[in-house]
Protein backbone atom coordinates (compact mmCIF):
# COMPACT_ATOMS: atom_id res chain seq x y z
CA UNK A 1 14.27 -6.02 -7.75
CA UNK A 2 11.18 -4.23 -9.05
CA UNK A 3 11.79 -2.04 -12.07
CA UNK A 4 9.47 0.25 -14.01
CA UNK A 5 9.76 0.35 -17.81
CA UNK A 6 7.98 3.32 -19.34
CA UNK A 7 7.09 3.25 -23.03
CA UNK A 8 6.73 -0.54 -22.96
CA UNK A 9 4.08 -0.42 -25.70
CA UNK A 10 6.84 0.56 -28.13
CA UNK A 11 9.55 -1.47 -29.83
CA UNK A 12 12.49 -0.71 -27.53
CA UNK A 13 10.57 -0.51 -24.26
CA UNK A 14 8.62 -3.68 -24.99
CA UNK A 15 11.67 -5.68 -25.98
CA UNK A 16 13.56 -4.56 -22.89
CA UNK A 17 10.62 -5.34 -20.58
CA UNK A 18 10.53 -8.89 -21.97
CA UNK A 19 14.29 -9.21 -21.56
CA UNK A 20 14.10 -7.95 -17.97
CA UNK A 21 11.44 -10.54 -17.15
CA UNK A 22 13.71 -13.24 -18.53
CA UNK A 23 16.49 -12.05 -16.22
CA UNK A 24 14.27 -12.40 -13.15
CA UNK A 25 13.38 -8.76 -12.54
CA UNK A 26 9.93 -7.92 -11.19
CA UNK A 27 8.68 -5.69 -14.00
CA UNK A 28 6.04 -2.98 -14.02
CA UNK A 29 5.25 -1.60 -17.49
CA UNK A 30 3.49 1.49 -18.72
CA UNK A 31 2.13 2.65 -22.05
CA UNK A 32 -0.59 4.92 -23.31
CA UNK A 33 -2.86 1.98 -24.22
CA UNK A 34 -3.43 -1.38 -22.52
CA UNK A 35 -3.72 -3.60 -25.60
CA UNK A 36 -0.08 -3.32 -26.80
CA UNK A 37 1.02 -4.32 -23.28
CA UNK A 38 -1.06 -7.50 -23.15
CA UNK A 39 1.73 -9.82 -24.33
CA UNK A 40 3.93 -8.56 -21.49
CA UNK A 41 1.13 -9.07 -18.98
CA UNK A 42 0.88 -12.67 -20.16
CA UNK A 43 4.60 -13.04 -19.41
CA UNK A 44 4.11 -11.86 -15.83
CA UNK A 45 4.62 -8.10 -15.99
CA UNK A 46 2.38 -5.68 -14.11
CA UNK A 47 0.99 -3.41 -16.82
CA UNK A 48 -0.58 0.02 -16.33
CA UNK A 49 -1.98 2.17 -19.13
CA UNK A 50 -2.06 5.93 -18.86
CA UNK A 51 -0.52 9.24 -19.84
CA UNK A 52 2.78 10.36 -18.34
CA UNK A 53 1.64 13.95 -18.84
CA UNK A 54 -0.57 13.18 -15.82
CA UNK A 55 1.65 13.66 -12.75
CA UNK A 56 -0.66 11.44 -10.70
CA UNK A 57 -0.18 8.54 -13.10
CA UNK A 58 3.59 8.96 -12.93
CA UNK A 59 3.37 8.87 -9.12
CA UNK A 60 1.44 5.59 -9.16
CA UNK A 61 3.95 4.06 -11.55
CA UNK A 62 7.01 4.96 -9.49
CA UNK A 63 5.68 3.84 -6.12
CA UNK A 64 7.52 0.78 -4.83
CA UNK A 65 10.06 0.62 -7.68
CA UNK A 66 13.81 0.61 -7.12
CA UNK A 67 14.79 1.44 -10.71
CA UNK A 68 13.05 3.20 -13.60
CA UNK A 69 14.03 2.54 -17.21
CA UNK A 70 12.49 5.51 -18.99
CA UNK A 71 11.87 4.60 -22.65
CA UNK A 72 8.72 6.66 -23.26
CA UNK A 73 8.77 9.57 -25.67
CA UNK A 74 7.92 10.78 -29.14
CA UNK A 75 10.03 9.83 -32.14
CA UNK A 76 9.99 11.30 -35.60
CA UNK A 77 10.70 14.66 -37.13
CA UNK A 78 7.33 16.07 -38.19
CA UNK A 79 5.11 18.11 -35.92
CA UNK A 80 5.11 21.26 -33.79
CA UNK A 81 7.70 21.86 -31.11
CA UNK A 82 5.02 21.70 -28.43
CA UNK A 83 4.23 18.09 -29.34
CA UNK A 84 7.84 16.95 -28.95
CA UNK A 85 8.36 19.07 -25.83
CA UNK A 86 5.32 17.51 -24.14
CA UNK A 87 6.26 13.96 -25.11
CA UNK A 88 10.00 14.14 -24.44
CA UNK A 89 10.54 16.86 -21.84
CA UNK A 90 7.38 17.26 -19.77
CA UNK A 91 6.86 13.50 -19.42
CA UNK A 92 10.49 13.14 -18.31
CA UNK A 93 10.01 15.92 -15.76
CA UNK A 94 6.98 14.08 -14.33
CA UNK A 95 8.80 10.75 -14.15
CA UNK A 96 11.80 12.39 -12.46
CA UNK A 97 9.61 14.18 -9.92
CA UNK A 98 7.80 10.93 -9.14
CA UNK A 99 11.11 9.09 -8.80
CA UNK A 100 12.44 11.64 -6.31
CA UNK A 101 9.24 11.65 -4.26
CA UNK A 102 9.02 7.84 -4.21
CA UNK A 103 12.72 7.51 -3.35
CA UNK A 104 13.48 5.47 -6.45
CA UNK A 105 17.20 4.64 -6.34
CA UNK A 106 18.14 4.87 -10.03
CA UNK A 107 16.77 6.07 -13.35
CA UNK A 108 18.12 4.86 -16.69
CA UNK A 109 17.11 7.28 -19.43
CA UNK A 110 16.77 6.24 -23.07
CA UNK A 111 18.19 9.25 -24.86
CA UNK A 112 19.14 9.59 -28.53
CA UNK A 113 22.19 10.42 -30.67
CA UNK A 114 19.80 12.38 -32.89
CA UNK A 115 20.84 15.35 -30.76
CA UNK A 116 24.24 15.17 -32.51
CA UNK A 117 22.85 15.36 -36.02
CA UNK A 118 23.14 18.67 -37.86
CA UNK A 119 22.89 17.47 -41.45
CA UNK A 120 26.63 17.02 -41.90
CA UNK A 121 28.96 14.03 -42.01
CA UNK A 122 30.19 12.95 -38.57
CA UNK A 123 32.45 10.01 -37.74
CA UNK A 124 33.46 8.55 -34.39
CA UNK A 125 31.25 10.95 -32.41
CA UNK A 126 31.99 11.12 -28.69
CA UNK A 127 29.48 11.95 -25.99
CA UNK A 128 30.74 15.50 -25.44
CA UNK A 129 29.82 16.63 -28.96
CA UNK A 130 27.07 19.25 -29.19
CA UNK A 131 26.22 20.53 -32.69
CA UNK A 132 26.05 24.26 -33.43
CA UNK A 133 22.34 23.75 -34.09
CA UNK A 134 19.82 20.95 -33.67
CA UNK A 135 18.39 19.70 -36.93
CA UNK A 136 14.83 19.17 -35.65
CA UNK A 137 12.52 19.34 -32.65
CA UNK A 138 13.15 15.71 -31.77
CA UNK A 139 16.91 16.14 -31.32
CA UNK A 140 16.44 19.42 -29.47
CA UNK A 141 13.90 18.03 -27.00
CA UNK A 142 15.83 14.80 -26.40
CA UNK A 143 18.84 16.94 -25.48
CA UNK A 144 16.73 19.06 -23.14
CA UNK A 145 15.17 15.97 -21.52
CA UNK A 146 18.63 14.57 -20.89
CA UNK A 147 19.65 17.80 -19.16
CA UNK A 148 16.61 17.42 -16.88
CA UNK A 149 17.77 13.90 -16.02
CA UNK A 150 21.26 15.05 -15.06
CA UNK A 151 19.78 17.88 -12.97
CA UNK A 152 17.77 15.29 -11.02
CA UNK A 153 21.02 13.41 -10.52
CA UNK A 154 22.32 16.39 -8.59
CA UNK A 155 19.31 16.04 -6.26
CA UNK A 156 20.26 12.53 -5.14
CA UNK A 157 18.75 10.29 -7.82
CA UNK A 158 21.24 7.94 -9.47
CA UNK A 159 20.99 8.63 -13.21
CA UNK A 160 22.53 7.36 -16.41
CA UNK A 161 21.59 7.99 -20.06
CA UNK A 162 22.06 5.80 -23.13
CA UNK A 163 22.14 7.08 -26.72
CA UNK A 164 21.56 4.07 -29.03
CA UNK A 165 21.88 4.48 -32.79
CA UNK A 166 19.51 2.97 -35.41
CA UNK A 167 18.08 0.13 -33.31
CA UNK A 168 17.09 -2.82 -35.50
CA UNK A 169 15.51 -6.23 -35.10
CA UNK A 170 12.16 -7.96 -34.87
CA UNK A 171 9.56 -5.38 -33.89
CA UNK A 172 11.23 -2.35 -35.50
CA UNK A 173 8.55 -0.24 -37.14
CA UNK A 174 10.56 2.94 -37.64
CA UNK A 175 13.51 2.33 -39.94
CA UNK A 176 13.38 -0.56 -42.37
CA UNK A 177 9.58 -0.92 -42.70
CA UNK A 178 9.30 2.64 -44.05
CA UNK A 179 12.11 2.05 -46.52
CA UNK A 180 10.69 -1.28 -47.63
CA UNK A 181 7.25 0.20 -48.25
CA UNK A 182 8.79 3.05 -50.23
CA UNK A 183 10.73 0.49 -52.27
CA UNK A 184 7.60 -1.58 -52.89
CA UNK A 185 5.84 1.52 -54.18
CA UNK A 186 8.72 2.21 -56.58
CA UNK A 187 9.57 5.55 -54.94
CA UNK A 188 12.85 4.67 -53.26
CA UNK A 189 16.25 5.59 -54.72
CA UNK A 190 19.74 5.61 -53.30
CA UNK A 191 20.42 9.09 -51.96
CA UNK A 192 23.74 10.45 -53.17
CA UNK A 193 26.61 8.10 -53.98
CA UNK A 194 25.41 5.42 -51.56
CA UNK A 195 28.72 5.14 -49.74
CA UNK A 196 27.75 6.65 -46.38
CA UNK A 197 28.79 4.74 -43.24
CA UNK A 198 26.29 4.41 -40.38
CA UNK A 199 25.80 2.49 -37.16
CA UNK A 200 23.13 -0.18 -36.76
CA UNK A 201 22.40 -1.62 -33.31
CA UNK A 202 20.54 -4.93 -32.83
CA UNK A 203 17.96 -4.50 -30.08
CA UNK A 204 19.50 -7.39 -28.13
CA UNK A 205 22.66 -5.32 -27.69
CA UNK A 206 20.65 -2.37 -26.44
CA UNK A 207 18.93 -4.73 -23.98
CA UNK A 208 22.36 -5.71 -22.72
CA UNK A 209 23.38 -2.06 -22.34
CA UNK A 210 20.19 -1.17 -20.45
CA UNK A 211 20.75 -4.00 -18.00
CA UNK A 212 24.37 -2.97 -17.55
CA UNK A 213 23.15 0.56 -16.79
CA UNK A 214 20.79 -0.80 -14.11
CA UNK A 215 23.74 -2.53 -12.47
CA UNK A 216 26.44 0.06 -13.24
CA UNK A 217 28.89 1.06 -10.48
CA UNK A 218 28.79 4.49 -8.89
CA UNK A 219 31.73 5.70 -10.99
CA UNK A 220 29.67 5.25 -14.17
CA UNK A 221 26.71 7.33 -13.01
CA UNK A 222 25.76 10.84 -14.07
CA UNK A 223 26.93 10.33 -17.64
CA UNK A 224 25.58 9.60 -21.11
CA UNK A 225 26.87 6.70 -23.19
CA UNK A 226 26.78 6.06 -26.91
CA UNK A 227 25.48 2.58 -27.77
CA UNK A 228 25.98 0.85 -31.12
CA UNK A 229 27.80 -2.17 -32.49
CA UNK A 230 30.93 -0.08 -32.89
CA UNK A 231 31.33 -1.30 -36.46
CA UNK A 232 29.90 1.16 -39.02
CA UNK A 233 28.44 -0.35 -42.18
CA UNK A 234 27.80 1.08 -45.62
CA UNK A 235 24.09 1.78 -45.37
CA UNK A 236 22.86 1.24 -48.93
CA UNK A 237 24.79 -1.98 -49.65
CA UNK A 238 23.53 -3.29 -46.29
CA UNK A 239 19.96 -2.40 -47.23
CA UNK A 240 20.41 -4.12 -50.59
CA UNK A 241 21.50 -7.29 -48.75
CA UNK A 242 18.27 -7.10 -46.76
CA UNK A 243 16.31 -6.73 -50.01
CA UNK A 244 18.07 -9.80 -51.43
CA UNK A 245 17.25 -11.75 -48.26
CA UNK A 246 13.57 -10.80 -48.66
CA UNK A 247 13.54 -11.67 -52.37
CA UNK A 248 13.14 -8.07 -53.51
CA UNK A 249 15.04 -6.39 -56.36
CA UNK A 250 18.12 -4.42 -55.36
CA UNK A 251 18.21 -0.66 -55.56
CA UNK A 252 20.34 0.60 -58.42
CA UNK A 253 18.97 4.05 -59.20
CA UNK A 254 20.54 7.10 -57.53
CA UNK A 255 19.29 10.62 -56.94
CA UNK A 256 21.84 13.40 -56.28
CA UNK A 257 21.72 14.53 -52.66
CA UNK A 258 21.18 18.25 -53.44
CA UNK A 259 18.21 17.36 -55.63
CA UNK A 260 16.72 14.99 -53.02
CA UNK A 261 17.16 17.57 -50.28
CA UNK A 262 15.62 20.29 -52.41
CA UNK A 263 12.61 18.11 -53.18
CA UNK A 264 12.17 17.45 -49.46
CA UNK A 265 12.30 21.19 -48.73
CA UNK A 266 9.54 21.74 -51.28
CA UNK A 267 7.46 18.88 -49.87
CA UNK A 268 7.73 20.28 -46.35
CA UNK A 269 6.86 23.80 -47.54
CA UNK A 270 3.72 22.49 -49.26
CA UNK A 271 2.74 20.49 -46.18
CA UNK A 272 3.06 23.56 -43.97
CA UNK A 273 0.56 25.32 -46.23
CA UNK A 274 -1.95 22.47 -45.91
CA UNK A 275 -4.51 22.50 -43.07
CA UNK A 276 -3.53 19.94 -40.47
CA UNK A 277 0.03 19.83 -41.84
CA UNK A 278 0.09 16.13 -42.82
CA UNK A 279 3.56 14.60 -42.82
CA UNK A 280 5.02 14.79 -46.34
CA UNK A 281 6.27 11.67 -48.10
CA UNK A 282 9.88 12.90 -47.96
CA UNK A 283 11.60 14.98 -45.31
CA UNK A 284 14.87 16.90 -45.18
CA UNK A 285 16.01 14.86 -42.18
CA UNK A 286 15.37 11.60 -44.00
CA UNK A 287 17.35 12.70 -47.02
CA UNK A 288 20.27 13.85 -44.86
CA UNK A 289 20.32 10.75 -42.65
CA UNK A 290 20.27 8.46 -45.70
CA UNK A 291 23.20 10.27 -47.33
CA UNK A 292 25.57 11.27 -44.53
CA UNK A 293 28.24 9.40 -42.57
CA UNK A 294 27.07 9.13 -38.97
CA UNK A 295 28.65 6.77 -36.46
CA UNK A 296 29.43 6.76 -32.77
CA UNK A 297 32.44 6.16 -30.58
CA UNK A 298 31.46 3.60 -27.90
CA UNK A 299 34.74 3.54 -25.96
CA UNK A 300 33.10 5.05 -22.86
CA UNK A 301 30.38 2.38 -22.74
CA UNK A 302 33.00 -0.34 -23.13
CA UNK A 303 35.20 1.09 -20.36
CA UNK A 304 32.61 2.30 -17.84
CA UNK A 305 29.73 -0.13 -18.34
CA UNK A 306 31.60 -3.20 -19.57
CA UNK A 307 29.51 -3.10 -22.74
CA UNK A 308 30.52 -5.52 -25.50
CA UNK A 309 28.08 -6.04 -28.40
CA UNK A 310 27.01 -9.67 -28.60
CA UNK A 311 24.72 -9.79 -31.65
CA UNK A 312 26.05 -8.93 -35.10
CA UNK A 313 24.38 -6.56 -37.52
CA UNK A 314 23.83 -9.52 -39.87
CA UNK A 315 21.96 -11.43 -37.15
CA UNK A 316 19.92 -8.33 -36.30
CA UNK A 317 18.90 -7.98 -39.94
CA UNK A 318 18.01 -11.67 -40.12
CA UNK A 319 15.77 -11.32 -37.05
CA UNK A 320 14.03 -8.38 -38.71
CA UNK A 321 13.66 -10.30 -42.00
CA UNK A 322 11.98 -13.26 -40.28
CA UNK A 323 9.60 -10.91 -38.46
CA UNK A 324 8.79 -9.06 -41.68
CA UNK A 325 8.12 -12.33 -43.51
CA UNK A 326 5.80 -13.40 -40.68
CA UNK A 327 3.65 -10.38 -41.43
CA UNK A 328 4.94 -8.06 -38.71
CA UNK A 329 2.76 -9.54 -35.94
CA UNK A 330 1.40 -6.82 -33.69
CA UNK A 331 2.26 -8.70 -30.50
CA UNK A 332 5.97 -8.94 -29.91
CA UNK A 333 5.91 -12.57 -28.74
CA UNK A 334 7.57 -13.57 -31.99
CA UNK A 335 10.24 -10.95 -31.42
CA UNK A 336 11.25 -12.43 -28.07
CA UNK A 337 14.50 -14.22 -28.84
CA UNK A 338 15.25 -17.77 -27.75
CA UNK A 339 17.93 -16.45 -25.40
CA UNK A 340 15.42 -14.16 -23.73
CA UNK A 341 12.86 -16.95 -23.42
CA UNK A 342 15.44 -19.16 -21.76
CA UNK A 343 16.33 -16.40 -19.34
CA UNK A 344 19.96 -16.07 -20.44
CA UNK A 345 21.62 -12.68 -20.31
CA UNK A 346 23.53 -11.56 -23.38
CA UNK A 347 27.07 -11.50 -22.02
C-alpha cells in the first residue's frame, strides 16, 4: 500500500514515516524543505519538497496514493490568525481536494487536543467537549481544519482524526527542549503549586495509533479520537525526574500562577507594540498549560481502534534523554527505535 505522509520534515510526521517504512508500507513524504527529509529518502521513502498552499503540489503528492496521513501544519501560539489559518486550514483544504480528485481511499488527520484548552482545569476530557472559547489561534484553526476533514468524509472520502496530547520522545523539539533551555538560563520556576496532572504520549504510541487508524474498520470512521497513555502524571515532579536523569539540579522555586499569568500578559502586550511582534519569552498559554490539570479520556480509541499504549512515559522520557545527551542530532536516524528498525509493529 502506498501512503502519503505530509509534514514528514517534522517530529511526528518524520517518526511516523520511518515507522511506516518499517511496517512495509510504500511511503511518499512531503515537507517544505528537502534536507530534513533526506534521512527518510535514505530509508527508501519517496520524498517531495514543496508548499501545500500550492494546490498543484498537493495534487502531485496525492496521485497514486491509497491513504494520506496528514501531519503538516503550524504549531505554537504566537502569530497572526492568518498564519495559522493558512498553515492549518488552507493546507488541509488543498490536501482534501487533492485526495478527492485522486480518489484516495482514506485520510488520517493529525488533529490536536489544544482545541479543548480554555485556560481552565479539565480532567478526563472526551471527544465531544468543545470549550466556550478557544484559547488561541492554533486551537481554533485545528478545530476548523478538523471540521473540513469531516465535511470531506461526507463526500465519500474515508476520514478519521487523532488528537494526541504532549507527544514526547527522541526528536521532540517543542516541549522539553524549551523548558530545559529556560532552566539552563535560570529563568524557569514551577508555576503554581506544581501538582497539576497532565498526559504525556510517547511518540511510539502515537505511531501505533496512526497505523491503527490506517487499518480501522468502517465503524470507526468519521470520528475523532483522543490519544495519550491514559495515565496522567504530575507534570513538575515528572520534569524534575528528567532533570535528575540529565544531571541537572531540580526545580524548587515556585511562582504563583496569577503572578506568572500577569507577567505573560505584560510580555505579550509589549511584544504587540514592537515592530515585527517577536515572540515574547513567556506566554499566557504556556503559563496556563504548565499550571492546569489537562488529561484525556481514551476509551473511544481503545474500543473503536483497539488502541493500547505500549511504551511507558518513563521509557519515552528515557528516549528523549538519550537523544538530548547525544546533542539533539538534526537527522532523526538516532530517534528511530530498535523496534522500528527491525520492522516490528508496536502491538
